[in-house]
Each structure stands twice: as structure tokens, then as C-alpha cells.
Amino acid sequence: MNAIVIIIVLFVALAIAVPLLERYQQQMGLDKMARFRKYIIPLVAISLILQLLYLAFNR
């Protein structure tokens, strides 16, 4: 049941975020988008490590 709620919340967030990003893409410019892009991979790596630690210690 929790997985279904999480999936629904993710789809709703994407349905809201994608149109907003498309609307404001021209205003941000490529320079700001390049600055944000360099933070994505480290944040994903940190979140994966935290999830692995959570699963390792809560079993």
C-alpha cells in the first residue's frame, strides 16, 4: 500500500514539475541550468548511499 502511495505522489509531482520547467526554461537560461546539472549526480549518489545504510541497519 505504501509503494502505491509513493508512486502516485511521484507521478503527481512530475505532472506539476514538467509543465513548470517547460514554462520557465527560457527565463532560466543555459548558464543556470548548467550550474544545477553539476549537483544532480552527487545528490543522487548521496541519496542511494543513505538508502543502502537505512536498509542495512533496519532489517
Protein backbone atom coordinates (compact mmCIF):
# COMPACT_ATOMS: atom_id res chain seq x y z
CA MET A 1 0.00 0.00 0.00
CA ASN A 2 2.83 2.40 0.84
CA ALA A 3 4.51 1.77 -2.51
CA ILE A 4 1.32 2.68 -4.37
CA VAL A 5 1.04 5.96 -2.45
CA ILE A 6 4.68 6.79 -3.18
CA ILE A 7 4.24 6.07 -6.90
CA ILE A 8 1.10 8.22 -7.06
CA VAL A 9 2.86 11.10 -5.30
CA LEU A 10 5.80 10.85 -7.72
CA PHE A 11 3.52 10.94 -10.75
CA VAL A 12 1.64 13.94 -9.38
CA ALA A 13 4.92 15.74 -8.67
CA LEU A 14 6.12 15.03 -12.21
CA ALA A 15 2.81 16.20 -13.66
CA ILE A 16 3.29 19.51 -11.82
CA ALA A 17 7.06 19.90 -12.28
CA VAL A 18 7.35 19.20 -16.01
CA PRO A 19 4.98 21.96 -17.19
CA LEU A 20 6.57 24.42 -14.77
CA LEU A 21 10.05 23.57 -16.02
CA GLU A 22 8.94 23.91 -19.62
CA ARG A 23 7.34 27.27 -18.91
CA TYR A 24 10.30 28.79 -17.08
CA GLN A 25 13.06 27.15 -19.14
CA GLN A 26 13.61 30.20 -21.35
CA GLN A 27 13.81 32.50 -18.33
CA MET A 28 16.47 30.42 -16.57
CA GLY A 29 18.90 30.25 -19.46
CA LEU A 30 21.55 27.61 -20.10
CA ASP A 31 24.05 29.02 -17.59
CA LYS A 32 21.81 28.44 -14.59
CA MET A 33 20.76 25.03 -15.86
CA ALA A 34 24.42 24.01 -16.21
CA ARG A 35 25.05 25.06 -12.61
CA PHE A 36 22.17 22.92 -11.36
CA ARG A 37 23.20 19.96 -13.51
CA LYS A 38 26.53 19.52 -11.73
CA TYR A 39 24.73 18.95 -8.40
CA ILE A 40 22.38 16.22 -9.61
CA ILE A 41 24.81 13.26 -9.70
CA PRO A 42 26.29 13.90 -6.23
CA LEU A 43 22.80 14.28 -4.74
CA VAL A 44 21.65 11.03 -6.35
CA ALA A 45 24.77 9.27 -5.06
CA ILE A 46 24.20 10.57 -1.52
CA SER A 47 20.56 9.50 -1.58
CA LEU A 48 21.50 6.00 -2.77
CA ILE A 49 24.11 5.63 -0.03
CA LEU A 50 21.62 6.81 2.60
CA GLN A 51 19.02 4.33 1.34
CA LEU A 52 21.53 1.48 1.46
CA LEU A 53 22.52 2.41 5.02
CA TYR A 54 18.87 2.63 6.03
CA LEU A 55 18.16 -0.82 4.61
CA ALA A 56 21.30 -2.29 6.18
CA PHE A 57 20.53 -1.08 9.71
CA ASN A 58 16.73 -1.50 9.75
CA ARG A 59 16.44 -5.16 8.85
